[in-house]
Amino acid sequence: MAVKIRLSRHGKKNHAFFHIVVTDIRSPRDGRYIEQIGTYNPNTNPATINIKADRALYWLGTGAQPSDTCRRILSYEGILLRKHLNGGVAKGAISQEVADQRWNAWKAERDSKVEAKKQNLKKSDIEARRESLNAEAKVNQERAEAISKRKAEEAAAKAEAEAKAKAEAEAAAAAEQAETAEATEAPAAE
C-alpha cells in the first residue's frame, strides 16, 4: 500500500483550512485517511501550522511520501531537517548531541525570523493606520477650511446685499424727501 502525507481541505468557500493527513494514495482528497498529524491554516499571516513532529517523523521513516505542499510545510517546521540529521546519526556520521545542537540552532534562527516578520507586519499595520488617520485629518481640515471660506463668502455677500439694500433705502428716502421738499416748495412759490 502506497502512503502519502497530504492536505485534506476543510473550511468555508474562499476560506480554506487544511488537515495534514497520512492516507492511502488511492483514497480521495477529503476521504478516508489513516492518521491526522496536523493542521494548516493559510488564512493567517504568517500561516498557522500545528503538526505532531514525532508522528510525521515516524511516517516519513516508514516511507510515506509528502505532497509538494506538505513537503514545504514539513521543511518549514524543520521535520525534514530532523529526518536528515537522524539519518546521519544512524549512519554514524554525527553524534546525537551534534544533531540536537544543529537542529536547535536552526530552530532558534527560524523562530527569530518568524518573530521578526510578525514585528514587521505589526509595524507596517500601525504605520498604515497612522497614515490613514493623517490623511483623514488632512481631508477634514480641508473640508473645514472650505466650509469656513464658503461661510465667509456668504457672510460677505449678505453684508454687501444689506449695505446695497440700505444704500437703496437711503437713496429712496432721500429721493422721497427731495420730492416732498419740492412739493412743499412748489405750492409756496406759487
N, C-alpha and C. Protein backbone atom coordinates (compact mmCIF):
# COMPACT_ATOMS: atom_id res chain seq x y z
N MET A 1 0.85 -1.18 0.00
CA MET A 1 0.00 0.00 0.00
C MET A 1 0.90 1.24 0.00
N ALA A 2 0.71 2.13 -0.97
CA ALA A 2 1.47 3.38 -1.04
C ALA A 2 0.81 4.40 -0.11
N VAL A 3 1.63 5.05 0.71
CA VAL A 3 1.14 6.00 1.70
C VAL A 3 1.67 7.38 1.37
N LYS A 4 0.76 8.37 1.46
CA LYS A 4 1.13 9.76 1.20
C LYS A 4 0.79 10.62 2.40
N ILE A 5 1.56 11.69 2.58
CA ILE A 5 1.23 12.75 3.54
C ILE A 5 0.74 13.91 2.68
N ARG A 6 -0.51 14.27 2.87
CA ARG A 6 -1.07 15.33 2.03
C ARG A 6 -2.10 16.14 2.82
N LEU A 7 -2.65 17.15 2.15
CA LEU A 7 -3.63 18.03 2.78
C LEU A 7 -5.04 17.56 2.49
N SER A 8 -5.91 17.70 3.47
CA SER A 8 -7.33 17.43 3.31
C SER A 8 -8.06 18.74 3.56
N ARG A 9 -8.82 19.21 2.57
CA ARG A 9 -9.42 20.55 2.64
C ARG A 9 -10.68 20.55 3.49
N HIS A 10 -10.78 21.57 4.34
CA HIS A 10 -11.97 21.83 5.15
C HIS A 10 -12.19 23.33 5.15
N GLY A 11 -13.19 23.79 5.86
CA GLY A 11 -13.45 25.22 5.94
C GLY A 11 -14.48 25.66 4.92
N LYS A 12 -14.73 26.97 4.91
CA LYS A 12 -15.74 27.53 4.04
C LYS A 12 -15.18 27.85 2.66
N LYS A 13 -16.09 28.19 1.78
CA LYS A 13 -15.71 28.63 0.44
C LYS A 13 -14.87 29.90 0.57
N ASN A 14 -13.78 29.96 -0.16
CA ASN A 14 -12.84 31.09 -0.15
C ASN A 14 -12.19 31.31 1.22
N HIS A 15 -12.29 30.34 2.11
CA HIS A 15 -11.67 30.44 3.43
C HIS A 15 -11.23 29.04 3.84
N ALA A 16 -10.26 28.50 3.11
CA ALA A 16 -9.85 27.10 3.29
C ALA A 16 -9.08 26.91 4.58
N PHE A 17 -9.22 25.71 5.13
CA PHE A 17 -8.50 25.26 6.31
C PHE A 17 -8.15 23.80 6.03
N PHE A 18 -6.92 23.40 6.27
CA PHE A 18 -6.48 22.08 5.88
C PHE A 18 -6.07 21.23 7.06
N HIS A 19 -6.34 19.92 6.97
CA HIS A 19 -5.79 18.94 7.89
C HIS A 19 -4.64 18.26 7.17
N ILE A 20 -3.55 18.04 7.87
CA ILE A 20 -2.43 17.30 7.30
C ILE A 20 -2.65 15.84 7.69
N VAL A 21 -2.85 15.00 6.69
CA VAL A 21 -3.21 13.61 6.96
C VAL A 21 -2.25 12.64 6.27
N VAL A 22 -2.17 11.45 6.85
CA VAL A 22 -1.46 10.33 6.24
C VAL A 22 -2.55 9.43 5.67
N THR A 23 -2.47 9.17 4.38
CA THR A 23 -3.56 8.46 3.72
C THR A 23 -3.02 7.52 2.64
N ASP A 24 -3.87 6.58 2.28
CA ASP A 24 -3.57 5.69 1.16
C ASP A 24 -3.64 6.54 -0.11
N ILE A 25 -2.78 6.30 -1.02
CA ILE A 25 -2.70 7.09 -2.26
C ILE A 25 -3.99 7.00 -3.07
N ARG A 26 -4.74 5.89 -2.91
CA ARG A 26 -5.95 5.69 -3.71
C ARG A 26 -7.19 6.37 -3.14
N SER A 27 -7.13 6.85 -1.91
CA SER A 27 -8.32 7.48 -1.30
C SER A 27 -8.48 8.90 -1.82
N PRO A 28 -9.74 9.41 -1.86
CA PRO A 28 -9.96 10.77 -2.35
C PRO A 28 -9.38 11.83 -1.41
N ARG A 29 -9.31 13.05 -1.94
CA ARG A 29 -8.67 14.15 -1.21
C ARG A 29 -9.23 14.32 0.20
N ASP A 30 -10.55 14.44 0.32
CA ASP A 30 -11.16 14.66 1.63
C ASP A 30 -11.76 13.38 2.20
N GLY A 31 -11.33 12.25 1.67
CA GLY A 31 -11.91 10.97 2.07
C GLY A 31 -11.21 10.35 3.27
N ARG A 32 -11.25 9.05 3.29
CA ARG A 32 -10.73 8.27 4.40
C ARG A 32 -9.21 8.45 4.52
N TYR A 33 -8.72 8.53 5.76
CA TYR A 33 -7.30 8.66 5.99
C TYR A 33 -6.87 7.73 7.12
N ILE A 34 -5.57 7.51 7.20
CA ILE A 34 -5.02 6.62 8.22
C ILE A 34 -4.85 7.37 9.54
N GLU A 35 -4.25 8.57 9.46
CA GLU A 35 -4.00 9.35 10.68
C GLU A 35 -3.92 10.82 10.32
N GLN A 36 -4.45 11.65 11.22
CA GLN A 36 -4.32 13.10 11.07
C GLN A 36 -3.14 13.53 11.92
N ILE A 37 -2.16 14.17 11.31
CA ILE A 37 -0.95 14.53 12.06
C ILE A 37 -0.81 16.04 12.28
N GLY A 38 -1.75 16.84 11.76
CA GLY A 38 -1.64 18.27 11.99
C GLY A 38 -2.68 19.07 11.24
N THR A 39 -2.56 20.40 11.38
CA THR A 39 -3.45 21.33 10.69
C THR A 39 -2.61 22.44 10.06
N TYR A 40 -3.19 23.06 9.05
CA TYR A 40 -2.54 24.15 8.33
C TYR A 40 -3.61 25.18 7.99
N ASN A 41 -3.41 26.42 8.45
CA ASN A 41 -4.36 27.50 8.18
C ASN A 41 -3.63 28.60 7.41
N PRO A 42 -3.83 28.69 6.09
CA PRO A 42 -3.15 29.71 5.30
C PRO A 42 -3.80 31.09 5.37
N ASN A 43 -4.91 31.22 6.09
CA ASN A 43 -5.63 32.49 6.14
C ASN A 43 -4.98 33.50 7.07
N THR A 44 -4.11 33.07 7.97
CA THR A 44 -3.43 33.99 8.87
C THR A 44 -2.09 34.38 8.25
N ASN A 45 -1.50 35.45 8.77
CA ASN A 45 -0.21 35.89 8.26
C ASN A 45 0.74 36.05 9.44
N PRO A 46 1.77 35.25 9.60
CA PRO A 46 2.15 34.09 8.82
C PRO A 46 1.18 32.93 9.04
N ALA A 47 1.20 31.97 8.13
CA ALA A 47 0.27 30.83 8.19
C ALA A 47 0.46 30.06 9.50
N THR A 48 -0.66 29.57 10.05
CA THR A 48 -0.63 28.82 11.30
C THR A 48 -0.48 27.34 10.98
N ILE A 49 0.55 26.73 11.56
CA ILE A 49 0.83 25.31 11.32
C ILE A 49 0.96 24.62 12.68
N ASN A 50 0.13 23.61 12.90
CA ASN A 50 0.24 22.76 14.09
C ASN A 50 0.46 21.34 13.58
N ILE A 51 1.57 20.74 13.98
CA ILE A 51 1.88 19.41 13.48
C ILE A 51 2.52 18.58 14.59
N LYS A 52 2.19 17.29 14.61
CA LYS A 52 2.82 16.35 15.55
C LYS A 52 4.12 15.88 14.90
N ALA A 53 5.23 16.47 15.34
CA ALA A 53 6.51 16.22 14.70
C ALA A 53 6.93 14.76 14.83
N ASP A 54 6.69 14.15 15.99
CA ASP A 54 7.12 12.77 16.18
C ASP A 54 6.37 11.82 15.25
N ARG A 55 5.07 12.04 15.06
CA ARG A 55 4.29 11.19 14.15
C ARG A 55 4.69 11.43 12.69
N ALA A 56 4.97 12.68 12.34
CA ALA A 56 5.42 12.98 10.97
C ALA A 56 6.75 12.29 10.70
N LEU A 57 7.68 12.33 11.68
CA LEU A 57 8.97 11.64 11.52
C LEU A 57 8.77 10.13 11.38
N TYR A 58 7.85 9.59 12.18
CA TYR A 58 7.58 8.16 12.09
C TYR A 58 7.11 7.78 10.69
N TRP A 59 6.13 8.53 10.15
CA TRP A 59 5.58 8.19 8.84
C TRP A 59 6.60 8.42 7.73
N LEU A 60 7.42 9.46 7.85
CA LEU A 60 8.49 9.65 6.86
C LEU A 60 9.49 8.51 6.93
N GLY A 61 9.76 8.03 8.15
CA GLY A 61 10.68 6.91 8.32
C GLY A 61 10.15 5.60 7.76
N THR A 62 8.82 5.45 7.72
CA THR A 62 8.24 4.22 7.19
C THR A 62 8.02 4.29 5.68
N GLY A 63 8.34 5.42 5.08
CA GLY A 63 8.28 5.51 3.62
C GLY A 63 7.14 6.33 3.06
N ALA A 64 6.40 7.05 3.89
CA ALA A 64 5.32 7.91 3.38
C ALA A 64 5.93 9.06 2.59
N GLN A 65 5.33 9.35 1.43
CA GLN A 65 5.82 10.41 0.57
C GLN A 65 4.94 11.65 0.73
N PRO A 66 5.53 12.80 1.10
CA PRO A 66 4.71 14.01 1.23
C PRO A 66 4.42 14.63 -0.13
N SER A 67 3.26 15.28 -0.24
CA SER A 67 2.95 16.04 -1.45
C SER A 67 3.86 17.27 -1.47
N ASP A 68 3.86 18.00 -2.57
CA ASP A 68 4.74 19.17 -2.68
C ASP A 68 4.46 20.19 -1.58
N THR A 69 3.18 20.49 -1.35
CA THR A 69 2.83 21.46 -0.32
C THR A 69 3.20 20.95 1.06
N CYS A 70 2.92 19.68 1.32
CA CYS A 70 3.28 19.11 2.62
C CYS A 70 4.79 19.06 2.80
N ARG A 71 5.52 18.84 1.73
CA ARG A 71 6.98 18.85 1.82
C ARG A 71 7.47 20.23 2.25
N ARG A 72 6.87 21.28 1.70
CA ARG A 72 7.26 22.64 2.09
C ARG A 72 6.90 22.90 3.55
N ILE A 73 5.72 22.44 3.96
CA ILE A 73 5.30 22.63 5.35
C ILE A 73 6.23 21.89 6.29
N LEU A 74 6.56 20.64 5.97
CA LEU A 74 7.46 19.85 6.81
C LEU A 74 8.86 20.47 6.84
N SER A 75 9.29 21.02 5.72
CA SER A 75 10.58 21.69 5.68
C SER A 75 10.55 22.96 6.54
N TYR A 76 9.48 23.72 6.44
CA TYR A 76 9.32 24.95 7.22
C TYR A 76 9.33 24.65 8.71
N GLU A 77 8.74 23.55 9.11
CA GLU A 77 8.70 23.17 10.52
C GLU A 77 9.98 22.46 10.97
N GLY A 78 10.88 22.13 10.06
CA GLY A 78 12.15 21.52 10.41
C GLY A 78 12.10 20.01 10.54
N ILE A 79 11.01 19.40 10.14
CA ILE A 79 10.87 17.95 10.27
C ILE A 79 11.75 17.22 9.27
N LEU A 80 11.86 17.74 8.07
CA LEU A 80 12.75 17.11 7.08
C LEU A 80 14.21 17.24 7.49
N LEU A 81 14.58 18.38 8.09
CA LEU A 81 15.94 18.54 8.60
C LEU A 81 16.20 17.53 9.73
N ARG A 82 15.22 17.36 10.59
CA ARG A 82 15.34 16.41 11.69
C ARG A 82 15.52 14.98 11.15
N LYS A 83 14.77 14.65 10.11
CA LYS A 83 14.90 13.32 9.49
C LYS A 83 16.30 13.14 8.90
N HIS A 84 16.79 14.19 8.25
CA HIS A 84 18.13 14.16 7.67
C HIS A 84 19.19 13.96 8.76
N LEU A 85 19.07 14.70 9.85
CA LEU A 85 20.04 14.58 10.95
C LEU A 85 19.96 13.20 11.60
N ASN A 86 18.75 12.67 11.75
CA ASN A 86 18.59 11.33 12.32
C ASN A 86 19.23 10.27 11.41
N GLY A 87 19.16 10.49 10.09
CA GLY A 87 19.82 9.59 9.16
C GLY A 87 21.33 9.63 9.34
N GLY A 88 21.89 10.82 9.59
CA GLY A 88 23.32 10.95 9.84
C GLY A 88 23.73 10.26 11.13
N VAL A 89 22.88 10.34 12.14
CA VAL A 89 23.15 9.66 13.41
C VAL A 89 23.11 8.15 13.20
N ALA A 90 22.14 7.66 12.45
CA ALA A 90 22.01 6.22 12.20
C ALA A 90 23.21 5.68 11.44
N LYS A 91 23.77 6.48 10.54
CA LYS A 91 24.94 6.04 9.77
C LYS A 91 26.24 6.19 10.56
N GLY A 92 26.17 6.94 11.67
CA GLY A 92 27.36 7.16 12.48
C GLY A 92 28.19 8.34 12.03
N ALA A 93 27.68 9.18 11.13
CA ALA A 93 28.42 10.33 10.64
C ALA A 93 28.52 11.43 11.71
N ILE A 94 27.47 11.59 12.50
CA ILE A 94 27.47 12.58 13.58
C ILE A 94 26.87 11.94 14.82
N SER A 95 27.13 12.57 15.96
CA SER A 95 26.56 12.04 17.20
C SER A 95 25.18 12.67 17.42
N GLN A 96 24.41 12.09 18.33
CA GLN A 96 23.06 12.60 18.63
C GLN A 96 23.13 14.01 19.22
N GLU A 97 24.15 14.29 20.03
CA GLU A 97 24.29 15.63 20.63
C GLU A 97 24.53 16.69 19.56
N VAL A 98 25.38 16.37 18.59
CA VAL A 98 25.65 17.31 17.49
C VAL A 98 24.39 17.53 16.67
N ALA A 99 23.64 16.46 16.42
CA ALA A 99 22.40 16.58 15.65
C ALA A 99 21.41 17.46 16.41
N ASP A 100 21.27 17.23 17.71
CA ASP A 100 20.36 18.06 18.51
C ASP A 100 20.81 19.51 18.53
N GLN A 101 22.11 19.72 18.62
CA GLN A 101 22.64 21.08 18.64
C GLN A 101 22.35 21.80 17.31
N ARG A 102 22.58 21.12 16.20
CA ARG A 102 22.31 21.72 14.88
C ARG A 102 20.83 22.02 14.71
N TRP A 103 19.97 21.09 15.13
CA TRP A 103 18.53 21.31 14.98
C TRP A 103 18.05 22.46 15.86
N ASN A 104 18.57 22.54 17.10
CA ASN A 104 18.17 23.64 17.99
C ASN A 104 18.64 24.98 17.45
N ALA A 105 19.85 25.02 16.87
CA ALA A 105 20.35 26.27 16.27
C ALA A 105 19.46 26.69 15.10
N TRP A 106 19.10 25.73 14.25
CA TRP A 106 18.23 26.04 13.12
C TRP A 106 16.87 26.53 13.61
N LYS A 107 16.33 25.85 14.63
CA LYS A 107 15.01 26.20 15.16
C LYS A 107 15.03 27.62 15.75
N ALA A 108 16.09 27.98 16.48
CA ALA A 108 16.20 29.32 17.06
C ALA A 108 16.27 30.38 15.95
N GLU A 109 17.04 30.09 14.90
CA GLU A 109 17.15 31.04 13.79
C GLU A 109 15.80 31.22 13.09
N ARG A 110 15.10 30.11 12.85
CA ARG A 110 13.80 30.19 12.19
C ARG A 110 12.79 30.93 13.05
N ASP A 111 12.79 30.66 14.35
CA ASP A 111 11.86 31.35 15.24
C ASP A 111 12.13 32.85 15.27
N SER A 112 13.41 33.24 15.23
CA SER A 112 13.73 34.67 15.21
C SER A 112 13.25 35.31 13.91
N LYS A 113 13.37 34.60 12.79
CA LYS A 113 12.88 35.13 11.50
C LYS A 113 11.37 35.30 11.53
N VAL A 114 10.67 34.32 12.08
CA VAL A 114 9.20 34.40 12.15
C VAL A 114 8.80 35.56 13.05
N GLU A 115 9.48 35.71 14.19
CA GLU A 115 9.17 36.80 15.11
C GLU A 115 9.44 38.16 14.46
N ALA A 116 10.55 38.25 13.71
CA ALA A 116 10.87 39.50 13.00
C ALA A 116 9.80 39.82 11.97
N LYS A 117 9.30 38.79 11.27
CA LYS A 117 8.24 39.02 10.28
C LYS A 117 6.97 39.51 10.97
N LYS A 118 6.64 38.91 12.11
CA LYS A 118 5.45 39.35 12.85
C LYS A 118 5.59 40.80 13.29
N GLN A 119 6.78 41.16 13.79
CA GLN A 119 7.01 42.53 14.23
C GLN A 119 6.93 43.51 13.06
N ASN A 120 7.49 43.13 11.91
CA ASN A 120 7.41 44.00 10.72
C ASN A 120 5.98 44.17 10.26
N LEU A 121 5.20 43.09 10.31
CA LEU A 121 3.78 43.20 9.94
C LEU A 121 3.05 44.12 10.89
N LYS A 122 3.36 43.99 12.17
CA LYS A 122 2.72 44.84 13.17
C LYS A 122 3.08 46.30 12.96
N LYS A 123 4.38 46.56 12.72
CA LYS A 123 4.83 47.93 12.48
C LYS A 123 4.18 48.52 11.23
N SER A 124 4.13 47.73 10.16
CA SER A 124 3.53 48.24 8.92
C SER A 124 2.04 48.49 9.10
N ASP A 125 1.37 47.65 9.90
CA ASP A 125 -0.05 47.86 10.18
C ASP A 125 -0.24 49.15 10.97
N ILE A 126 0.59 49.37 11.98
CA ILE A 126 0.50 50.60 12.78
C ILE A 126 0.78 51.81 11.90
N GLU A 127 1.80 51.72 11.05
CA GLU A 127 2.16 52.83 10.16
C GLU A 127 1.02 53.11 9.17
N ALA A 128 0.41 52.06 8.64
CA ALA A 128 -0.71 52.25 7.70
C ALA A 128 -1.88 52.94 8.40
N ARG A 129 -2.16 52.53 9.63
CA ARG A 129 -3.24 53.18 10.38
C ARG A 129 -2.93 54.64 10.64
N ARG A 130 -1.66 54.92 11.00
CA ARG A 130 -1.25 56.30 11.27
C ARG A 130 -1.40 57.16 10.00
N GLU A 131 -0.95 56.62 8.87
CA GLU A 131 -1.08 57.36 7.60
C GLU A 131 -2.54 57.58 7.25
N SER A 132 -3.37 56.59 7.50
CA SER A 132 -4.80 56.72 7.23
C SER A 132 -5.42 57.81 8.10
N LEU A 133 -5.05 57.84 9.37
CA LEU A 133 -5.57 58.88 10.26
C LEU A 133 -5.08 60.25 9.85
N ASN A 134 -3.80 60.36 9.45
CA ASN A 134 -3.28 61.64 8.99
C ASN A 134 -3.99 62.11 7.72
N ALA A 135 -4.22 61.18 6.80
CA ALA A 135 -4.94 61.55 5.57
C ALA A 135 -6.36 61.99 5.88
N GLU A 136 -7.00 61.28 6.79
CA GLU A 136 -8.37 61.66 7.17
C GLU A 136 -8.39 63.02 7.85
N ALA A 137 -7.40 63.29 8.72
CA ALA A 137 -7.32 64.59 9.39
C ALA A 137 -7.09 65.70 8.36
N LYS A 138 -6.26 65.43 7.36
CA LYS A 138 -6.00 66.42 6.31
C LYS A 138 -7.27 66.71 5.52
N VAL A 139 -8.01 65.66 5.17
CA VAL A 139 -9.27 65.84 4.44
C VAL A 139 -10.26 66.63 5.29
N ASN A 140 -10.34 66.29 6.57
CA ASN A 140 -11.26 67.02 7.47
C ASN A 140 -10.87 68.48 7.58
N GLN A 141 -9.56 68.76 7.65
CA GLN A 141 -9.10 70.14 7.73
C GLN A 141 -9.44 70.89 6.44
N GLU A 142 -9.25 70.26 5.29
CA GLU A 142 -9.59 70.90 4.02
C GLU A 142 -11.08 71.18 3.94
N ARG A 143 -11.89 70.23 4.41
CA ARG A 143 -13.34 70.45 4.42
C ARG A 143 -13.71 71.60 5.33
N ALA A 144 -13.08 71.65 6.51
CA ALA A 144 -13.38 72.74 7.45
C ALA A 144 -12.98 74.09 6.86
N GLU A 145 -11.82 74.13 6.18
CA GLU A 145 -11.39 75.37 5.53
C GLU A 145 -12.36 75.77 4.42
N ALA A 146 -12.82 74.80 3.63
CA ALA A 146 -13.76 75.09 2.55
C ALA A 146 -15.09 75.59 3.12
N ILE A 147 -15.54 74.98 4.19
CA ILE A 147 -16.80 75.42 4.82
C ILE A 147 -16.66 76.82 5.39
N SER A 148 -15.53 77.08 6.09
CA SER A 148 -15.34 78.43 6.65
C SER A 148 -15.21 79.47 5.54
N LYS A 149 -14.54 79.11 4.44
CA LYS A 149 -14.40 80.04 3.31
C LYS A 149 -15.77 80.32 2.69
N ARG A 150 -16.58 79.27 2.52
CA ARG A 150 -17.91 79.44 1.95
C ARG A 150 -18.79 80.29 2.87
N LYS A 151 -18.70 80.05 4.18
CA LYS A 151 -19.48 80.85 5.14
C LYS A 151 -19.03 82.29 5.12
N ALA A 152 -17.71 82.53 5.00
CA ALA A 152 -17.20 83.90 4.93
C ALA A 152 -17.70 84.58 3.66
N GLU A 153 -17.69 83.85 2.54
CA GLU A 153 -18.21 84.42 1.29
C GLU A 153 -19.69 84.73 1.41
N GLU A 154 -20.45 83.81 2.02
CA GLU A 154 -21.89 84.04 2.21
C GLU A 154 -22.13 85.24 3.12
N ALA A 155 -21.32 85.35 4.18
CA ALA A 155 -21.47 86.49 5.10
C ALA A 155 -21.11 87.79 4.39
N ALA A 156 -20.05 87.76 3.57
CA ALA A 156 -19.66 88.96 2.82
C ALA A 156 -20.74 89.33 1.81
N ALA A 157 -21.30 88.32 1.13
CA ALA A 157 -22.36 88.59 0.17
C ALA A 157 -23.59 89.13 0.88
N LYS A 158 -23.92 88.57 2.04
CA LYS A 158 -25.07 89.04 2.80
C LYS A 158 -24.85 90.46 3.29
N ALA A 159 -23.63 90.76 3.79
CA ALA A 159 -23.31 92.11 4.25
C ALA A 159 -23.37 93.09 3.07
N GLU A 160 -22.87 92.67 1.91
CA GLU A 160 -22.91 93.51 0.72
C GLU A 160 -24.35 93.77 0.29
N ALA A 161 -25.17 92.70 0.35
CA ALA A 161 -26.58 92.85 -0.02
C ALA A 161 -27.29 93.78 0.96
N GLU A 162 -26.98 93.64 2.25
CA GLU A 162 -27.59 94.53 3.25
C GLU A 162 -27.14 95.98 3.04
N ALA A 163 -25.84 96.15 2.75
CA ALA A 163 -25.33 97.51 2.51
C ALA A 163 -25.98 98.11 1.27
N LYS A 164 -26.14 97.28 0.23
CA LYS A 164 -26.78 97.76 -1.01
C LYS A 164 -28.25 98.11 -0.75
N ALA A 165 -28.92 97.22 0.02
CA ALA A 165 -30.32 97.49 0.34
C ALA A 165 -30.43 98.75 1.19
N LYS A 166 -29.52 98.94 2.13
CA LYS A 166 -29.53 100.13 2.97
C LYS A 166 -29.26 101.38 2.13
N ALA A 167 -28.29 101.27 1.20
CA ALA A 167 -27.99 102.42 0.32
C ALA A 167 -29.19 102.75 -0.55
N GLU A 168 -29.86 101.69 -1.08
CA GLU A 168 -31.05 101.93 -1.89
C GLU A 168 -32.17 102.54 -1.06
N ALA A 169 -32.30 102.07 0.16
CA ALA A 169 -33.32 102.62 1.05
C ALA A 169 -33.01 104.07 1.36
N GLU A 170 -31.75 104.38 1.61
CA GLU A 170 -31.35 105.77 1.88
C GLU A 170 -31.57 106.64 0.64
N ALA A 171 -31.24 106.07 -0.52
CA ALA A 171 -31.43 106.83 -1.77
C ALA A 171 -32.92 107.06 -2.01
N ALA A 172 -33.72 106.02 -1.76
CA ALA A 172 -35.17 106.17 -1.92
C ALA A 172 -35.72 107.18 -0.92
N ALA A 173 -35.21 107.13 0.32
CA ALA A 173 -35.66 108.07 1.35
C ALA A 173 -35.23 109.48 0.97
N ALA A 174 -34.02 109.64 0.45
CA ALA A 174 -33.54 110.97 0.04
C ALA A 174 -34.35 111.48 -1.14
N ALA A 175 -34.68 110.56 -2.09
CA ALA A 175 -35.47 110.98 -3.24
C ALA A 175 -36.87 111.37 -2.79
N GLU A 176 -37.42 110.60 -1.87
CA GLU A 176 -38.76 110.91 -1.36
C GLU A 176 -38.75 112.23 -0.61
N GLN A 177 -37.68 112.43 0.16
CA GLN A 177 -37.56 113.67 0.92
C GLN A 177 -37.40 114.85 -0.04
N ALA A 178 -36.67 114.64 -1.12
CA ALA A 178 -36.49 115.70 -2.11
C ALA A 178 -37.82 116.00 -2.80
N GLU A 179 -38.59 114.94 -3.07
CA GLU A 179 -39.89 115.14 -3.71
C GLU A 179 -40.84 115.91 -2.79
N THR A 180 -40.86 115.52 -1.54
CA THR A 180 -41.73 116.21 -0.59
C THR A 180 -41.25 117.65 -0.42
N ALA A 181 -39.94 117.85 -0.44
CA ALA A 181 -39.42 119.21 -0.32
C ALA A 181 -39.82 120.02 -1.54
N GLU A 182 -39.77 119.43 -2.73
CA GLU A 182 -40.17 120.13 -3.96
C GLU A 182 -41.67 120.40 -3.94
N ALA A 183 -42.38 119.39 -3.44
CA ALA A 183 -43.84 119.56 -3.41
C ALA A 183 -44.23 120.66 -2.44
N THR A 184 -43.54 120.76 -1.34
CA THR A 184 -43.85 121.79 -0.37
C THR A 184 -43.35 123.16 -0.87
N GLU A 185 -42.28 123.23 -1.56
CA GLU A 185 -41.74 124.46 -2.07
C GLU A 185 -42.56 124.97 -3.26
N ALA A 186 -43.03 124.05 -4.09
CA ALA A 186 -43.77 124.46 -5.29
C ALA A 186 -45.06 125.20 -4.91
N PRO A 187 -45.90 124.71 -4.00
CA PRO A 187 -47.10 125.46 -3.68
C PRO A 187 -46.76 126.78 -2.98
N ALA A 188 -45.71 126.79 -2.22
CA ALA A 188 -45.35 128.03 -1.52
C ALA A 188 -44.87 129.07 -2.52
N ALA A 189 -44.23 128.66 -3.55
CA ALA A 189 -43.70 129.59 -4.54
C ALA A 189 -44.83 130.13 -5.40
N GLU A 190 -45.87 129.48 -5.53
CA GLU A 190 -46.94 129.96 -6.39
C GLU A 190 -47.67 131.00 -5.63
